[in-house]
PDB file of N, CA and C in Angstrom:
ATOM      1  N   MET A   1      28.221 -31.824   8.699  1.00  0.00           N
ATOM      2  CA  MET A   1      27.904 -30.692   7.860  1.00  0.00           C
ATOM      3  C   MET A   1      27.699 -29.433   8.693  1.00  0.00           C
ATOM      4  N   ALA A   2      27.287 -29.579   9.928  1.00  0.00           N
ATOM      5  CA  ALA A   2      27.031 -28.426  10.784  1.00  0.00           C
ATOM      6  C   ALA A   2      28.325 -27.653  11.046  1.00  0.00           C
ATOM      7  N   LEU A   3      29.443 -28.363  11.170  1.00  0.00           N
ATOM      8  CA  LEU A   3      30.723 -27.708  11.396  1.00  0.00           C
ATOM      9  C   LEU A   3      31.091 -26.840  10.198  1.00  0.00           C
ATOM     10  N   GLN A   4      30.863 -27.337   9.001  1.00  0.00           N
ATOM     11  CA  GLN A   4      31.144 -26.567   7.793  1.00  0.00           C
ATOM     12  C   GLN A   4      30.284 -25.309   7.738  1.00  0.00           C
ATOM     13  N   ASP A   5      29.011 -25.430   8.110  1.00  0.00           N
ATOM     14  CA  ASP A   5      28.115 -24.262   8.138  1.00  0.00           C
ATOM     15  C   ASP A   5      28.601 -23.236   9.150  1.00  0.00           C
ATOM     16  N   ASP A   6      29.054 -23.711  10.306  1.00  0.00           N
ATOM     17  CA  ASP A   6      29.559 -22.801  11.331  1.00  0.00           C
ATOM     18  C   ASP A   6      30.809 -22.080  10.848  1.00  0.00           C
ATOM     19  N   LEU A   7      31.704 -22.791  10.185  1.00  0.00           N
ATOM     20  CA  LEU A   7      32.920 -22.178   9.674  1.00  0.00           C
ATOM     21  C   LEU A   7      32.612 -21.140   8.595  1.00  0.00           C
ATOM     22  N   THR A   8      31.639 -21.442   7.747  1.00  0.00           N
ATOM     23  CA  THR A   8      31.226 -20.494   6.717  1.00  0.00           C
ATOM     24  C   THR A   8      30.659 -19.229   7.346  1.00  0.00           C
ATOM     25  N   GLU A   9      29.848 -19.378   8.376  1.00  0.00           N
ATOM     26  CA  GLU A   9      29.269 -18.223   9.054  1.00  0.00           C
ATOM     27  C   GLU A   9      30.345 -17.393   9.757  1.00  0.00           C
ATOM     28  N   VAL A  10      31.317 -18.058  10.388  1.00  0.00           N
ATOM     29  CA  VAL A  10      32.414 -17.344  11.046  1.00  0.00           C
ATOM     30  C   VAL A  10      33.218 -16.556  10.013  1.00  0.00           C
ATOM     31  N   LYS A  11      33.496 -17.168   8.875  1.00  0.00           N
ATOM     32  CA  LYS A  11      34.241 -16.486   7.818  1.00  0.00           C
ATOM     33  C   LYS A  11      33.481 -15.254   7.329  1.00  0.00           C
ATOM     34  N   ARG A  12      32.176 -15.415   7.116  1.00  0.00           N
ATOM     35  CA  ARG A  12      31.353 -14.299   6.657  1.00  0.00           C
ATOM     36  C   ARG A  12      31.340 -13.179   7.693  1.00  0.00           C
ATOM     37  N   ASN A  13      31.236 -13.516   8.965  1.00  0.00           N
ATOM     38  CA  ASN A  13      31.238 -12.513  10.028  1.00  0.00           C
ATOM     39  C   ASN A  13      32.585 -11.790  10.121  1.00  0.00           C
ATOM     40  N   LEU A  14      33.679 -12.519   9.939  1.00  0.00           N
ATOM     41  CA  LEU A  14      34.994 -11.884   9.963  1.00  0.00           C
ATOM     42  C   LEU A  14      35.177 -10.932   8.785  1.00  0.00           C
ATOM     43  N   GLU A  15      34.661 -11.314   7.619  1.00  0.00           N
ATOM     44  CA  GLU A  15      34.750 -10.431   6.452  1.00  0.00           C
ATOM     45  C   GLU A  15      33.928  -9.166   6.678  1.00  0.00           C
ATOM     46  N   GLU A  16      32.751  -9.296   7.271  1.00  0.00           N
ATOM     47  CA  GLU A  16      31.918  -8.130   7.575  1.00  0.00           C
ATOM     48  C   GLU A  16      32.597  -7.239   8.609  1.00  0.00           C
ATOM     49  N   LEU A  17      33.248  -7.848   9.598  1.00  0.00           N
ATOM     50  CA  LEU A  17      33.989  -7.088  10.606  1.00  0.00           C
ATOM     51  C   LEU A  17      35.128  -6.305   9.950  1.00  0.00           C
ATOM     52  N   ALA A  18      35.832  -6.939   9.031  1.00  0.00           N
ATOM     53  CA  ALA A  18      36.937  -6.266   8.331  1.00  0.00           C
ATOM     54  C   ALA A  18      36.410  -5.087   7.521  1.00  0.00           C
ATOM     55  N   ARG A  19      35.259  -5.261   6.827  1.00  0.00           N
ATOM     56  CA  ARG A  19      34.664  -4.157   6.067  1.00  0.00           C
ATOM     57  C   ARG A  19      34.241  -3.022   6.997  1.00  0.00           C
ATOM     58  N   SER A  20      33.700  -3.359   8.153  1.00  0.00           N
ATOM     59  CA  SER A  20      33.275  -2.336   9.114  1.00  0.00           C
ATOM     60  C   SER A  20      34.469  -1.555   9.642  1.00  0.00           C
ATOM     61  N   ILE A  21      35.564  -2.235   9.891  1.00  0.00           N
ATOM     62  CA  ILE A  21      36.770  -1.566  10.379  1.00  0.00           C
ATOM     63  C   ILE A  21      37.321  -0.624   9.316  1.00  0.00           C
ATOM     64  N   ILE A  22      37.301  -1.051   8.056  1.00  0.00           N
ATOM     65  CA  ILE A  22      37.771  -0.195   6.961  1.00  0.00           C
ATOM     66  C   ILE A  22      36.901   1.053   6.868  1.00  0.00           C
ATOM     67  N   ARG A  23      35.570   0.892   6.956  1.00  0.00           N
ATOM     68  CA  ARG A  23      34.670   2.056   6.911  1.00  0.00           C
ATOM     69  C   ARG A  23      34.920   2.987   8.088  1.00  0.00           C
ATOM     70  N   LEU A  24      35.156   2.426   9.274  1.00  0.00           N
ATOM     71  CA  LEU A  24      35.433   3.231  10.455  1.00  0.00           C
ATOM     72  C   LEU A  24      36.732   4.016  10.282  1.00  0.00           C
ATOM     73  N   GLU A  25      37.762   3.361   9.770  1.00  0.00           N
ATOM     74  CA  GLU A  25      39.032   4.049   9.525  1.00  0.00           C
ATOM     75  C   GLU A  25      38.862   5.184   8.519  1.00  0.00           C
ATOM     76  N   GLN A  26      38.068   4.959   7.463  1.00  0.00           N
ATOM     77  CA  GLN A  26      37.827   6.002   6.473  1.00  0.00           C
ATOM     78  C   GLN A  26      37.084   7.182   7.098  1.00  0.00           C
ATOM     79  N   THR A  27      36.098   6.891   7.922  1.00  0.00           N
ATOM     80  CA  THR A  27      35.335   7.949   8.585  1.00  0.00           C
ATOM     81  C   THR A  27      36.227   8.758   9.511  1.00  0.00           C
ATOM     82  N   LEU A  28      37.065   8.083  10.276  1.00  0.00           N
ATOM     83  CA  LEU A  28      37.968   8.786  11.192  1.00  0.00           C
ATOM     84  C   LEU A  28      38.973   9.638  10.427  1.00  0.00           C
ATOM     85  N   THR A  29      39.467   9.126   9.312  1.00  0.00           N
ATOM     86  CA  THR A  29      40.399   9.893   8.486  1.00  0.00           C
ATOM     87  C   THR A  29      39.718  11.142   7.940  1.00  0.00           C
ATOM     88  N   GLN A  30      38.490  11.004   7.466  1.00  0.00           N
ATOM     89  CA  GLN A  30      37.751  12.155   6.942  1.00  0.00           C
ATOM     90  C   GLN A  30      37.502  13.185   8.036  1.00  0.00           C
ATOM     91  N   GLN A  31      37.190  12.727   9.227  1.00  0.00           N
ATOM     92  CA  GLN A  31      36.935  13.662  10.330  1.00  0.00           C
ATOM     93  C   GLN A  31      38.204  14.410  10.714  1.00  0.00           C
ATOM     94  N   ARG A  32      39.318  13.725  10.708  1.00  0.00           N
ATOM     95  CA  ARG A  32      40.586  14.381  11.031  1.00  0.00           C
ATOM     96  C   ARG A  32      40.944  15.421   9.981  1.00  0.00           C
ATOM     97  N   GLU A  33      40.608  15.148   8.723  1.00  0.00           N
ATOM     98  CA  GLU A  33      40.919  16.065   7.632  1.00  0.00           C
ATOM     99  C   GLU A  33      39.874  17.166   7.500  1.00  0.00           C
ATOM    100  N   GLY A  34      38.812  17.083   8.265  1.00  0.00           N
ATOM    101  CA  GLY A  34      37.761  18.092   8.211  1.00  0.00           C
ATOM    102  C   GLY A  34      36.746  17.871   7.118  1.00  0.00           C
ATOM    103  N   THR A  35      36.820  16.735   6.448  1.00  0.00           N
ATOM    104  CA  THR A  35      35.851  16.412   5.418  1.00  0.00           C
ATOM    105  C   THR A  35      34.624  15.807   6.072  1.00  0.00           C
ATOM    106  N   PRO A  36      33.436  16.359   5.810  1.00  0.00           N
ATOM    107  CA  PRO A  36      32.241  15.774   6.428  1.00  0.00           C
ATOM    108  C   PRO A  36      31.994  14.367   5.901  1.00  0.00           C
ATOM    109  N   ALA A  37      31.707  13.470   6.795  1.00  0.00           N
ATOM    110  CA  ALA A  37      31.453  12.082   6.416  1.00  0.00           C
ATOM    111  C   ALA A  37      29.955  11.870   6.277  1.00  0.00           C
ATOM    112  N   ALA A  38      29.571  11.079   5.286  1.00  0.00           N
ATOM    113  CA  ALA A  38      28.168  10.738   5.108  1.00  0.00           C
ATOM    114  C   ALA A  38      27.828   9.658   6.122  1.00  0.00           C
ATOM    115  N   VAL A  39      27.079  10.030   7.129  1.00  0.00           N
ATOM    116  CA  VAL A  39      26.762   9.102   8.209  1.00  0.00           C
ATOM    117  C   VAL A  39      25.296   8.734   8.128  1.00  0.00           C
ATOM    118  N   GLY A  40      25.023   7.438   8.145  1.00  0.00           N
ATOM    119  CA  GLY A  40      23.656   6.961   8.205  1.00  0.00           C
ATOM    120  C   GLY A  40      22.813   7.220   6.968  1.00  0.00           C
ATOM    121  N   ARG A  41      23.410   7.475   5.842  1.00  0.00           N
ATOM    122  CA  ARG A  41      22.652   7.719   4.624  1.00  0.00           C
ATOM    123  C   ARG A  41      23.044   6.684   3.573  1.00  0.00           C
ATOM    124  N   PRO A  42      22.222   5.672   3.396  1.00  0.00           N
ATOM    125  CA  PRO A  42      22.545   4.629   2.429  1.00  0.00           C
ATOM    126  C   PRO A  42      22.553   5.162   1.005  1.00  0.00           C
ATOM    127  N   GLU A  43      23.355   4.526   0.161  1.00  0.00           N
ATOM    128  CA  GLU A  43      23.401   4.909  -1.236  1.00  0.00           C
ATOM    129  C   GLU A  43      22.053   4.633  -1.875  1.00  0.00           C
ATOM    130  N   GLY A  44      21.701   5.459  -2.837  1.00  0.00           N
ATOM    131  CA  GLY A  44      20.433   5.270  -3.530  1.00  0.00           C
ATOM    132  C   GLY A  44      19.277   5.995  -2.868  1.00  0.00           C
ATOM    133  N   LEU A  45      19.488   6.622  -1.727  1.00  0.00           N
ATOM    134  CA  LEU A  45      18.446   7.358  -1.043  1.00  0.00           C
ATOM    135  C   LEU A  45      18.254   8.692  -1.749  1.00  0.00           C
ATOM    136  N   VAL A  46      17.014   9.036  -2.053  1.00  0.00           N
ATOM    137  CA  VAL A  46      16.706  10.243  -2.796  1.00  0.00           C
ATOM    138  C   VAL A  46      16.048  11.250  -1.868  1.00  0.00           C
ATOM    139  N   THR A  47      16.517  12.481  -1.901  1.00  0.00           N
ATOM    140  CA  THR A  47      15.903  13.545  -1.112  1.00  0.00           C
ATOM    141  C   THR A  47      14.742  14.127  -1.894  1.00  0.00           C
ATOM    142  N   ILE A  48      13.597  14.255  -1.238  1.00  0.00           N
ATOM    143  CA  ILE A  48      12.415  14.809  -1.875  1.00  0.00           C
ATOM    144  C   ILE A  48      12.224  16.225  -1.368  1.00  0.00           C
ATOM    145  N   SER A  49      12.102  17.156  -2.274  1.00  0.00           N
ATOM    146  CA  SER A  49      11.966  18.570  -1.943  1.00  0.00           C
ATOM    147  C   SER A  49      10.616  18.843  -1.276  1.00  0.00           C
ATOM    148  N   ASP A  50      10.573  19.858  -0.407  1.00  0.00           N
ATOM    149  CA  ASP A  50       9.334  20.272   0.234  1.00  0.00           C
ATOM    150  C   ASP A  50       8.549  21.255  -0.630  1.00  0.00           C
ATOM    151  N   ASP A  51       9.094  21.624  -1.791  1.00  0.00           N
ATOM    152  CA  ASP A  51       8.398  22.537  -2.686  1.00  0.00           C
ATOM    153  C   ASP A  51       7.113  21.879  -3.176  1.00  0.00           C
ATOM    154  N   PRO A  52       6.050  22.672  -3.370  1.00  0.00           N
ATOM    155  CA  PRO A  52       4.791  22.082  -3.855  1.00  0.00           C
ATOM    156  C   PRO A  52       4.946  21.548  -5.275  1.00  0.00           C
ATOM    157  N   TYR A  53       4.208  20.480  -5.560  1.00  0.00           N
ATOM    158  CA  TYR A  53       4.229  19.900  -6.895  1.00  0.00           C
ATOM    159  C   TYR A  53       3.400  20.745  -7.848  1.00  0.00           C
ATOM    160  N   ASP A  54       3.691  20.620  -9.115  1.00  0.00           N
ATOM    161  CA  ASP A  54       2.916  21.287 -10.156  1.00  0.00           C
ATOM    162  C   ASP A  54       1.522  20.659 -10.171  1.00  0.00           C
ATOM    163  N   SER A  55       0.476  21.479 -10.023  1.00  0.00           N
ATOM    164  CA  SER A  55      -0.891  20.950  -9.940  1.00  0.00           C
ATOM    165  C   SER A  55      -1.325  20.268 -11.236  1.00  0.00           C
ATOM    166  N   SER A  56      -0.662  20.560 -12.352  1.00  0.00           N
ATOM    167  CA  SER A  56      -1.030  19.905 -13.612  1.00  0.00           C
ATOM    168  C   SER A  56      -0.700  18.409 -13.590  1.00  0.00           C
ATOM    169  N   LEU A  57       0.105  17.988 -12.641  1.00  0.00           N
ATOM    170  CA  LEU A  57       0.405  16.554 -12.519  1.00  0.00           C
ATOM    171  C   LEU A  57      -0.823  15.764 -12.089  1.00  0.00           C
ATOM    172  N   TRP A  58      -1.775  16.425 -11.448  1.00  0.00           N
ATOM    173  CA  TRP A  58      -2.909  15.725 -10.843  1.00  0.00           C
ATOM    174  C   TRP A  58      -4.191  15.856 -11.656  1.00  0.00           C
ATOM    175  N   ILE A  59      -4.124  16.430 -12.856  1.00  0.00           N
ATOM    176  CA  ILE A  59      -5.309  16.556 -13.703  1.00  0.00           C
ATOM    177  C   ILE A  59      -5.748  15.156 -14.135  1.00  0.00           C
ATOM    178  N   ASP A  60      -7.053  14.934 -14.131  1.00  0.00           N
ATOM    179  CA  ASP A  60      -7.663  13.657 -14.545  1.00  0.00           C
ATOM    180  C   ASP A  60      -7.246  12.490 -13.662  1.00  0.00           C
ATOM    181  N   THR A  61      -7.056  12.734 -12.394  1.00  0.00           N
ATOM    182  CA  THR A  61      -6.729  11.651 -11.469  1.00  0.00           C
ATOM    183  C   THR A  61      -7.867  11.459 -10.491  1.00  0.00           C
ATOM    184  N   ASP A  62      -7.945  10.303  -9.918  1.00  0.00           N
ATOM    185  CA  ASP A  62      -8.935  10.008  -8.884  1.00  0.00           C
ATOM    186  C   ASP A  62      -8.270  10.143  -7.529  1.00  0.00           C
ATOM    187  N   ASP A  63      -9.025  10.660  -6.555  1.00  0.00           N
ATOM    188  CA  ASP A  63      -8.528  10.693  -5.186  1.00  0.00           C
ATOM    189  C   ASP A  63      -8.718   9.304  -4.605  1.00  0.00           C
ATOM    190  N   GLU A  64      -7.633   8.718  -4.157  1.00  0.00           N
ATOM    191  CA  GLU A  64      -7.691   7.357  -3.656  1.00  0.00           C
ATOM    192  C   GLU A  64      -8.710   7.255  -2.521  1.00  0.00           C
ATOM    193  N   GLY A  65      -9.661   6.369  -2.701  1.00  0.00           N
ATOM    194  CA  GLY A  65     -10.673   6.140  -1.676  1.00  0.00           C
ATOM    195  C   GLY A  65     -11.825   7.129  -1.726  1.00  0.00           C
ATOM    196  N   LEU A  66     -11.721   8.195  -2.537  1.00  0.00           N
ATOM    197  CA  LEU A  66     -12.776   9.201  -2.601  1.00  0.00           C
ATOM    198  C   LEU A  66     -13.498   9.199  -3.945  1.00  0.00           C
ATOM    199  N   GLY A  67     -12.996   8.504  -4.920  1.00  0.00           N
ATOM    200  CA  GLY A  67     -13.626   8.440  -6.209  1.00  0.00           C
ATOM    201  C   GLY A  67     -13.160   9.543  -7.141  1.00  0.00           C
ATOM    202  N   ALA A  68     -13.844   9.667  -8.254  1.00  0.00           N
ATOM    203  CA  ALA A  68     -13.458  10.638  -9.268  1.00  0.00           C
ATOM    204  C   ALA A  68     -13.828  12.054  -8.824  1.00  0.00           C
ATOM    205  N   ARG A  69     -13.038  13.020  -9.255  1.00  0.00           N
ATOM    206  CA  ARG A  69     -13.297  14.428  -8.921  1.00  0.00           C
ATOM    207  C   ARG A  69     -14.582  14.891  -9.611  1.00  0.00           C
ATOM    208  N   GLY A  70     -15.320  15.764  -8.929  1.00  0.00           N
ATOM    209  CA  GLY A  70     -16.501  16.353  -9.514  1.00  0.00           C
ATOM    210  C   GLY A  70     -17.725  15.475  -9.469  1.00  0.00           C
ATOM    211  N   ARG A  71     -17.626  14.274  -8.943  1.00  0.00           N
ATOM    212  CA  ARG A  71     -18.789  13.384  -8.844  1.00  0.00           C
ATOM    213  C   ARG A  71     -19.166  13.230  -7.382  1.00  0.00           C
ATOM    214  N   ARG A  72     -20.440  12.996  -7.158  1.00  0.00           N
ATOM    215  CA  ARG A  72     -20.916  12.805  -5.779  1.00  0.00           C
ATOM    216  C   ARG A  72     -21.190  11.324  -5.559  1.00  0.00           C
ATOM    217  N   ALA A  73     -21.073  10.948  -4.313  1.00  0.00           N
ATOM    218  CA  ALA A  73     -21.389   9.555  -3.956  1.00  0.00           C
ATOM    219  C   ALA A  73     -22.894   9.358  -4.006  1.00  0.00           C
ATOM    220  N   PRO A  74     -23.360   8.178  -4.373  1.00  0.00           N
ATOM    221  CA  PRO A  74     -24.811   7.930  -4.451  1.00  0.00           C
ATOM    222  C   PRO A  74     -25.463   7.998  -3.082  1.00  0.00           C
TER     223      PRO A  74
END
């Protein structure tokens, strides 16, 4: 059974190598055409703006570890 597991792993590695080569070829083609390639940015990654949040989002919230606003510790 170990031989079958090894063959399965080799097949999986070859398929991953083929996918990597295809991605590399696409990146090189885009660079030659002057199209910027998305490098190192996985799909689903969301950019968060540095703009301040609306303060009304935080009304009636507790500060984590500090307790409720407007109250003093005993």
